[in-house]
Amino acid sequence: MKRNFLVFTVLILLPFVSLAQQADSSFSYVPKINGLVKAKWEYAFEDNTNRFDIRSMRLGASGNISPYISYRVQVEYSSNSNKRDVYLIDAAASFTPSARFSFSLGQFSLPFSDDHVISPAANNYVNRPLIGKYVNVGASMRDIGALAQYNFIGKVPITLQAGLFNGAGANKTDWQESPAILGRVIYGEMEGFRGSVKCYTRKDTLDKRVRQYGIDFRYAKDRYRIETEFVIKDSVSVKDSRLYGSYLQGTYSFPIGNSKLLKYVEPNLRGDAMGFNVFDNGFDISRLTFGLNFGLAPKKMNAELRLNYEKLFFSGSKLGIQNDARYAGYFTGASNKPLSDRLTIELYIKF
């Protein structure tokens, strides 16, 4: 534990060696208001039922207190929440003394995976991959804690991230004997080749360690992007509980000229899977997602009409997976029909 705190402290102190690198003078105190609305109709082939739903509605603000201090707050209404009410998802302050370093304190999304994989605001698909929904960092991808980031700017674009968190999830402030620990090393930028290795560990409800490791790669250029990720989550409190998740997804954007309404068409294809002890038994659940996005605004992902078809495959019976004790709590919420093939039409608006 002392070693983990030492590494975290070193990352915090690194930027002060180069504080002469000043902030940009083009600076504003005016808050930026942002929001998101995802409304959809979906059809479940499992029992031939359909529904209209507000998948997510977010409203937030971000801004600067000084050239070095910034903040972000955000609330959400989601039909996936148990109480279907408005709740806090982001409330964080960041200290950025140089272009190389930042330190954030508060509640925010854990950077174990990229935002476009785990966040409804940045995802090209109607639903997240199985990794983003069921495998990564337990039930919540948000937590309360501290995160330090250091960027090596130059010919070798490497970013180091290290964080300490409560480990209990969003809006939970239970006392902990030891914090959850997250670390990630990223090579590259969002354009071109990018890859990362990451790890995360926390205590579960049985006071045992849950350890999670992952690796991801992506290549993005102009209109297209292809990416993959592989994650292992290992819980020592449950027998045969090493959970694996993976996905491979790609997208290509076709611009539409001379159209007042339609700005681009973007086909998407994703294959993802999850399962326990996959090297012996294969993946328990696999899924193919075919997507077609219609861009309704000049700026990408500001307004889209999305069509997604999801087809699931099971190594055994679906009932057997639902009754497997290792999946207890994973597929709760029968109203969402998480193990059904489905067709979804979604209107996505971001401002």
Protein backbone atom coordinates (compact mmCIF):
# COMPACT_ATOMS: atom_id res chain seq x y z
CA MET A 1 0.00 0.00 0.00
CA LYS A 2 2.86 2.41 0.82
CA ARG A 3 4.33 1.79 -2.62
CA ASN A 4 1.01 2.65 -4.30
CA PHE A 5 0.76 5.95 -2.41
CA LEU A 6 4.39 6.75 -3.29
CA VAL A 7 3.76 6.29 -7.03
CA PHE A 8 0.62 8.43 -6.80
CA THR A 9 2.52 11.20 -4.94
CA VAL A 10 5.37 11.22 -7.48
CA LEU A 11 2.88 11.74 -10.31
CA ILE A 12 1.39 14.72 -8.47
CA LEU A 13 4.78 16.36 -7.92
CA LEU A 14 6.14 15.87 -11.46
CA PRO A 15 4.62 18.99 -13.06
CA PHE A 16 6.04 21.45 -10.58
CA VAL A 17 9.47 20.95 -12.14
CA SER A 18 8.15 22.76 -15.25
CA LEU A 19 5.72 25.35 -13.87
CA ALA A 20 7.34 27.96 -16.09
CA GLN A 21 5.12 26.64 -18.86
CA GLN A 22 2.25 29.10 -18.48
CA ALA A 23 -1.45 28.71 -19.29
CA ASP A 24 -2.91 30.04 -22.52
CA SER A 25 -3.88 33.69 -22.27
CA SER A 26 -7.09 33.07 -24.25
CA PHE A 27 -9.09 32.30 -21.16
CA SER A 28 -12.76 32.70 -20.21
CA TYR A 29 -14.70 32.49 -16.96
CA VAL A 30 -18.04 32.00 -18.77
CA PRO A 31 -19.49 28.53 -18.00
CA LYS A 32 -20.27 26.20 -20.87
CA ILE A 33 -23.69 24.54 -20.68
CA ASN A 34 -23.96 21.11 -22.24
CA GLY A 35 -26.59 18.43 -22.47
CA LEU A 36 -27.67 15.17 -24.04
CA VAL A 37 -30.99 13.58 -24.96
CA LYS A 38 -31.29 9.95 -26.12
CA ALA A 39 -34.87 8.93 -26.93
CA LYS A 40 -35.62 5.60 -28.58
CA TRP A 41 -38.10 2.97 -29.72
CA GLU A 42 -37.04 -0.66 -29.43
CA TYR A 43 -38.47 -4.04 -30.35
CA ALA A 44 -37.53 -7.20 -28.42
CA PHE A 45 -37.68 -10.38 -30.49
CA GLU A 46 -37.68 -12.54 -27.34
CA ASP A 47 -41.41 -11.99 -26.75
CA ASN A 48 -42.40 -9.68 -29.63
CA THR A 49 -42.84 -6.60 -27.44
CA ASN A 50 -41.86 -2.98 -28.02
CA ARG A 51 -41.57 0.27 -26.09
CA PHE A 52 -40.62 3.93 -26.26
CA ASP A 53 -37.98 5.03 -23.78
CA ILE A 54 -35.82 7.95 -22.69
CA ARG A 55 -32.50 6.15 -22.46
CA SER A 56 -30.66 9.15 -21.06
CA MET A 57 -31.07 12.87 -20.47
CA ARG A 58 -28.06 14.80 -19.17
CA LEU A 59 -27.51 18.43 -18.29
CA GLY A 60 -24.21 19.85 -17.13
CA ALA A 61 -21.88 22.82 -16.93
CA SER A 62 -18.13 23.24 -17.05
CA GLY A 63 -15.88 26.24 -16.73
CA ASN A 64 -12.82 27.89 -15.22
CA ILE A 65 -12.20 29.56 -11.87
CA SER A 66 -8.67 30.60 -12.81
CA PRO A 67 -6.18 29.76 -15.59
CA TYR A 68 -5.26 26.65 -13.60
CA ILE A 69 -8.54 25.62 -11.91
CA SER A 70 -11.56 24.21 -13.77
CA TYR A 71 -14.75 22.42 -12.78
CA ARG A 72 -17.42 20.14 -14.22
CA VAL A 73 -20.87 19.22 -12.88
CA GLN A 74 -23.50 17.03 -14.54
CA VAL A 75 -26.81 15.41 -13.60
CA GLU A 76 -28.75 12.70 -15.41
CA TYR A 77 -32.20 11.23 -15.73
CA SER A 78 -32.10 7.65 -17.00
CA SER A 79 -34.78 5.02 -17.41
CA ASN A 80 -32.14 2.48 -16.31
CA SER A 81 -31.94 3.91 -12.79
CA ASN A 82 -33.91 2.00 -10.15
CA LYS A 83 -35.89 5.05 -9.05
CA ARG A 84 -36.02 6.71 -12.50
CA ASP A 85 -35.10 10.05 -10.96
CA VAL A 86 -32.47 12.74 -11.47
CA TYR A 87 -29.12 12.02 -9.87
CA LEU A 88 -25.59 13.41 -9.82
CA ILE A 89 -23.06 11.80 -12.15
CA ASP A 90 -20.20 14.36 -12.27
CA ALA A 91 -18.94 16.87 -9.72
CA ALA A 92 -15.21 17.47 -9.99
CA ALA A 93 -12.56 20.17 -9.81
CA SER A 94 -9.31 19.98 -11.77
CA PHE A 95 -5.92 21.62 -11.25
CA THR A 96 -3.91 22.00 -14.48
CA PRO A 97 -0.67 23.94 -13.84
CA SER A 98 0.83 22.99 -17.21
CA ALA A 99 -0.02 21.27 -20.47
CA ARG A 100 1.70 18.17 -19.15
CA PHE A 101 -0.12 17.64 -15.87
CA SER A 102 -3.61 17.65 -14.38
CA PHE A 103 -5.05 16.60 -11.04
CA SER A 104 -8.80 16.04 -10.49
CA LEU A 105 -10.74 15.57 -7.28
CA GLY A 106 -14.42 14.68 -6.99
CA GLN A 107 -16.83 12.33 -8.74
CA PHE A 108 -16.25 11.45 -12.39
CA SER A 109 -16.00 8.63 -14.89
CA LEU A 110 -13.12 6.24 -14.25
CA PRO A 111 -10.69 6.25 -17.20
CA PHE A 112 -10.34 2.47 -17.40
CA SER A 113 -11.83 2.61 -20.91
CA ASP A 114 -12.26 5.52 -23.31
CA ASP A 115 -15.38 7.69 -23.07
CA HIS A 116 -16.63 6.67 -26.51
CA VAL A 117 -16.82 3.07 -25.23
CA ILE A 118 -18.48 3.63 -21.85
CA SER A 119 -20.30 6.97 -22.10
CA PRO A 120 -23.72 7.43 -23.76
CA ALA A 121 -22.57 10.93 -24.77
CA ALA A 122 -19.71 9.64 -26.94
CA ASN A 123 -20.77 6.14 -28.04
CA ASN A 124 -21.52 5.56 -31.74
CA TYR A 125 -23.97 2.78 -30.88
CA VAL A 126 -27.32 2.76 -29.10
CA ASN A 127 -25.90 0.49 -26.38
CA ARG A 128 -22.45 0.13 -24.89
CA PRO A 129 -20.40 -3.05 -25.54
CA LEU A 130 -20.71 -5.85 -22.99
CA ILE A 131 -17.34 -4.77 -21.56
CA GLY A 132 -18.64 -1.27 -20.86
CA LYS A 133 -21.90 -2.43 -19.30
CA TYR A 134 -21.07 -5.63 -17.41
CA VAL A 135 -17.31 -6.20 -17.10
CA ASN A 136 -15.48 -2.94 -16.44
CA VAL A 137 -14.97 -1.90 -12.80
CA GLY A 138 -18.08 -3.58 -11.44
CA ALA A 139 -21.53 -2.01 -11.43
CA SER A 140 -20.50 1.63 -11.81
CA MET A 141 -18.01 3.30 -14.08
CA ARG A 142 -18.15 6.40 -11.86
CA ASP A 143 -16.66 6.86 -8.42
CA ILE A 144 -15.50 9.51 -5.95
CA GLY A 145 -11.76 10.00 -5.67
CA ALA A 146 -8.62 11.61 -7.07
CA LEU A 147 -6.92 11.21 -10.43
CA ALA A 148 -3.49 12.42 -11.57
CA GLN A 149 -2.45 12.56 -15.23
CA TYR A 150 0.94 13.32 -16.75
CA ASN A 151 1.57 13.74 -20.49
CA PHE A 152 4.99 13.25 -22.08
CA ILE A 153 4.71 15.71 -24.96
CA GLY A 154 7.02 15.12 -27.91
CA LYS A 155 8.06 12.34 -30.25
CA VAL A 156 6.85 9.66 -27.82
CA PRO A 157 3.25 10.58 -26.88
CA ILE A 158 2.77 8.72 -23.60
CA THR A 159 0.17 9.55 -20.95
CA LEU A 160 0.28 8.20 -17.38
CA GLN A 161 -2.88 8.07 -15.25
CA ALA A 162 -3.12 7.04 -11.60
CA GLY A 163 -6.07 7.33 -9.25
CA LEU A 164 -7.38 6.48 -5.79
CA PHE A 165 -11.14 6.03 -5.27
CA ASN A 166 -13.68 4.90 -2.70
CA GLY A 167 -14.43 1.83 -4.81
CA ALA A 168 -18.15 1.87 -3.95
CA GLY A 169 -19.48 3.62 -7.06
CA ALA A 170 -21.18 6.93 -7.75
CA ASN A 171 -22.67 8.99 -4.92
CA LYS A 172 -21.39 6.59 -2.24
CA THR A 173 -19.08 7.81 0.52
CA ASP A 174 -18.66 4.74 2.73
CA TRP A 175 -15.55 4.59 4.90
CA GLN A 176 -12.89 2.26 3.46
CA GLU A 177 -9.89 0.52 5.00
CA SER A 178 -8.07 0.72 1.67
CA PRO A 179 -8.98 2.67 -1.48
CA ALA A 180 -9.58 1.36 -4.96
CA ILE A 181 -6.52 1.88 -7.16
CA LEU A 182 -6.45 2.57 -10.90
CA GLY A 183 -3.48 2.89 -13.24
CA ARG A 184 -3.25 3.31 -17.00
CA VAL A 185 -0.46 3.91 -19.53
CA ILE A 186 -1.55 5.28 -22.93
CA TYR A 187 0.56 5.53 -26.08
CA GLY A 188 -0.60 7.71 -28.96
CA GLU A 189 -3.43 10.14 -29.52
CA MET A 190 -7.06 9.86 -30.64
CA GLU A 191 -6.02 10.38 -34.28
CA GLY A 192 -3.78 7.68 -35.71
CA PHE A 193 -2.61 4.67 -33.69
CA ARG A 194 -3.37 4.50 -29.99
CA GLY A 195 -3.01 1.76 -27.40
CA SER A 196 -3.09 1.37 -23.64
CA VAL A 197 -2.62 -1.08 -20.79
CA LYS A 198 -4.55 -0.60 -17.54
CA CYS A 199 -5.28 -2.16 -14.17
CA TYR A 200 -7.77 -1.61 -11.36
CA THR A 201 -8.28 -3.19 -7.95
CA ARG A 202 -10.82 -2.73 -5.16
CA LYS A 203 -12.36 -4.63 -2.26
CA ASP A 204 -15.74 -6.28 -2.83
CA THR A 205 -18.60 -6.71 -0.35
CA LEU A 206 -16.92 -9.83 1.08
CA ASP A 207 -13.76 -7.82 1.84
CA LYS A 208 -11.85 -9.62 -0.93
CA ARG A 209 -9.88 -7.98 -3.71
CA VAL A 210 -11.33 -7.64 -7.20
CA ARG A 211 -8.58 -7.18 -9.76
CA GLN A 212 -9.09 -6.07 -13.32
CA TYR A 213 -6.62 -5.85 -16.20
CA GLY A 214 -7.05 -4.71 -19.77
CA ILE A 215 -5.44 -3.79 -23.05
CA ASP A 216 -6.88 -1.83 -25.98
CA PHE A 217 -5.84 -0.70 -29.45
CA ARG A 218 -7.40 1.66 -31.99
CA TYR A 219 -6.62 3.34 -35.27
CA ALA A 220 -8.56 6.40 -36.42
CA LYS A 221 -8.06 8.44 -39.58
CA ASP A 222 -10.38 11.04 -41.06
CA ARG A 223 -13.65 9.19 -41.68
CA TYR A 224 -12.96 5.73 -40.24
CA ARG A 225 -12.04 4.10 -36.95
CA ILE A 226 -11.36 0.53 -35.87
CA GLU A 227 -10.70 -0.56 -32.29
CA THR A 228 -10.54 -3.53 -29.98
CA GLU A 229 -10.27 -4.16 -26.24
CA PHE A 230 -9.71 -7.20 -24.03
CA VAL A 231 -10.41 -7.16 -20.27
CA ILE A 232 -10.00 -9.71 -17.45
CA LYS A 233 -11.77 -9.28 -14.10
CA ASP A 234 -10.70 -11.62 -11.32
CA SER A 235 -12.55 -11.92 -8.00
CA VAL A 236 -10.94 -14.07 -5.33
CA SER A 237 -14.19 -14.33 -3.31
CA VAL A 238 -16.06 -16.50 -5.86
CA LYS A 239 -14.84 -19.81 -7.28
CA ASP A 240 -14.17 -19.89 -11.05
CA SER A 241 -15.02 -16.21 -11.26
CA ARG A 242 -12.42 -14.95 -13.74
CA LEU A 243 -14.57 -12.96 -16.18
CA TYR A 244 -13.33 -12.09 -19.67
CA GLY A 245 -14.71 -9.49 -22.06
CA SER A 246 -13.72 -8.37 -25.54
CA TYR A 247 -14.98 -6.41 -28.53
CA LEU A 248 -13.94 -5.42 -32.04
CA GLN A 249 -15.76 -2.54 -33.67
CA GLY A 250 -15.40 -0.29 -36.68
CA THR A 251 -17.12 2.66 -38.32
CA TYR A 252 -16.88 4.63 -41.56
CA SER A 253 -18.49 8.00 -42.25
CA PHE A 254 -19.78 8.93 -45.73
CA PRO A 255 -20.36 12.69 -46.12
CA ILE A 256 -23.52 13.76 -47.95
CA GLY A 257 -23.21 16.89 -50.06
CA ASN A 258 -25.92 19.35 -51.11
CA SER A 259 -28.43 18.19 -48.51
CA LYS A 260 -30.09 20.55 -46.04
CA LEU A 261 -31.11 17.75 -43.65
CA LEU A 262 -28.76 14.79 -44.04
CA LYS A 263 -25.05 15.56 -43.52
CA TYR A 264 -23.48 12.09 -43.39
CA VAL A 265 -24.29 8.39 -43.22
CA GLU A 266 -22.23 6.17 -40.93
CA PRO A 267 -22.42 2.36 -40.95
CA ASN A 268 -21.13 0.64 -37.79
CA LEU A 269 -20.32 -2.98 -37.04
CA ARG A 270 -19.39 -4.45 -33.66
CA GLY A 271 -18.75 -7.93 -32.34
CA ASP A 272 -18.39 -8.37 -28.58
CA ALA A 273 -18.44 -11.20 -26.06
CA MET A 274 -18.09 -12.08 -22.38
CA GLY A 275 -17.75 -15.22 -20.30
CA PHE A 276 -16.04 -17.05 -17.46
CA ASN A 277 -12.94 -19.18 -18.05
CA VAL A 278 -13.19 -18.66 -21.81
CA PHE A 279 -9.95 -20.53 -22.63
CA ASP A 280 -11.63 -23.73 -21.43
CA ASN A 281 -15.27 -23.16 -22.36
CA GLY A 282 -15.37 -20.29 -24.86
CA PHE A 283 -17.43 -17.14 -24.39
CA ASP A 284 -20.80 -17.61 -22.70
CA ILE A 285 -22.42 -14.69 -24.53
CA SER A 286 -21.54 -13.22 -27.93
CA ARG A 287 -23.28 -10.42 -29.80
CA LEU A 288 -23.23 -8.81 -33.22
CA THR A 289 -24.46 -5.24 -33.60
CA PHE A 290 -25.26 -3.77 -37.00
CA GLY A 291 -25.70 0.00 -36.92
CA LEU A 292 -26.53 2.79 -39.33
CA ASN A 293 -26.30 6.42 -38.17
CA PHE A 294 -27.75 9.36 -40.09
CA GLY A 295 -26.06 12.67 -39.25
CA LEU A 296 -28.55 15.54 -39.00
CA ALA A 297 -26.06 18.28 -38.06
CA PRO A 298 -22.79 19.42 -39.71
CA LYS A 299 -20.74 18.66 -36.61
CA LYS A 300 -20.32 14.94 -36.04
CA MET A 301 -22.35 13.40 -33.19
CA ASN A 302 -24.38 16.52 -32.44
CA ALA A 303 -27.63 15.14 -33.88
CA GLU A 304 -28.08 11.61 -35.21
CA LEU A 305 -30.88 9.21 -36.06
CA ARG A 306 -29.61 5.71 -35.28
CA LEU A 307 -30.76 2.28 -36.35
CA ASN A 308 -29.26 -0.71 -34.47
CA TYR A 309 -29.93 -4.44 -34.71
CA GLU A 310 -28.43 -6.66 -32.01
CA LYS A 311 -28.16 -10.44 -32.39
CA LEU A 312 -27.06 -12.54 -29.39
CA PHE A 313 -25.48 -16.00 -29.33
CA PHE A 314 -25.09 -18.31 -26.30
CA SER A 315 -22.59 -21.13 -25.81
CA GLY A 316 -25.25 -23.07 -23.87
CA SER A 317 -28.82 -22.19 -22.99
CA LYS A 318 -29.86 -18.65 -22.12
CA LEU A 319 -31.71 -19.99 -19.07
CA GLY A 320 -28.53 -21.68 -17.89
CA ILE A 321 -26.66 -18.37 -18.02
CA GLN A 322 -29.46 -16.57 -16.16
CA ASN A 323 -29.35 -19.22 -13.41
CA ASP A 324 -25.55 -19.28 -13.14
CA ALA A 325 -24.64 -17.96 -9.68
CA ARG A 326 -21.55 -16.25 -11.09
CA TYR A 327 -23.83 -13.97 -13.14
CA ALA A 328 -25.95 -13.02 -10.12
CA GLY A 329 -26.77 -9.32 -10.36
CA TYR A 330 -25.45 -8.91 -13.92
CA PHE A 331 -28.72 -9.09 -15.84
CA THR A 332 -31.11 -7.53 -13.34
CA GLY A 333 -33.94 -5.35 -14.57
CA ALA A 334 -36.20 -7.63 -16.59
CA SER A 335 -37.84 -4.57 -18.17
CA ASN A 336 -34.65 -3.95 -20.15
CA LYS A 337 -34.57 -7.51 -21.60
CA PRO A 338 -30.75 -7.55 -21.63
CA LEU A 339 -30.51 -11.04 -23.21
CA SER A 340 -32.94 -10.49 -26.08
CA ASP A 341 -32.25 -9.80 -29.74
CA ARG A 342 -33.54 -6.33 -30.46
CA LEU A 343 -34.13 -3.65 -33.04
CA THR A 344 -33.70 -0.03 -31.89
CA ILE A 345 -34.34 3.35 -33.47
CA GLU A 346 -32.83 6.20 -31.47
CA LEU A 347 -32.72 9.97 -31.79
CA TYR A 348 -29.49 11.33 -30.31
CA ILE A 349 -29.13 15.06 -29.59
CA LYS A 350 -26.06 16.62 -27.93
CA PHE A 351 -25.60 20.34 -27.23
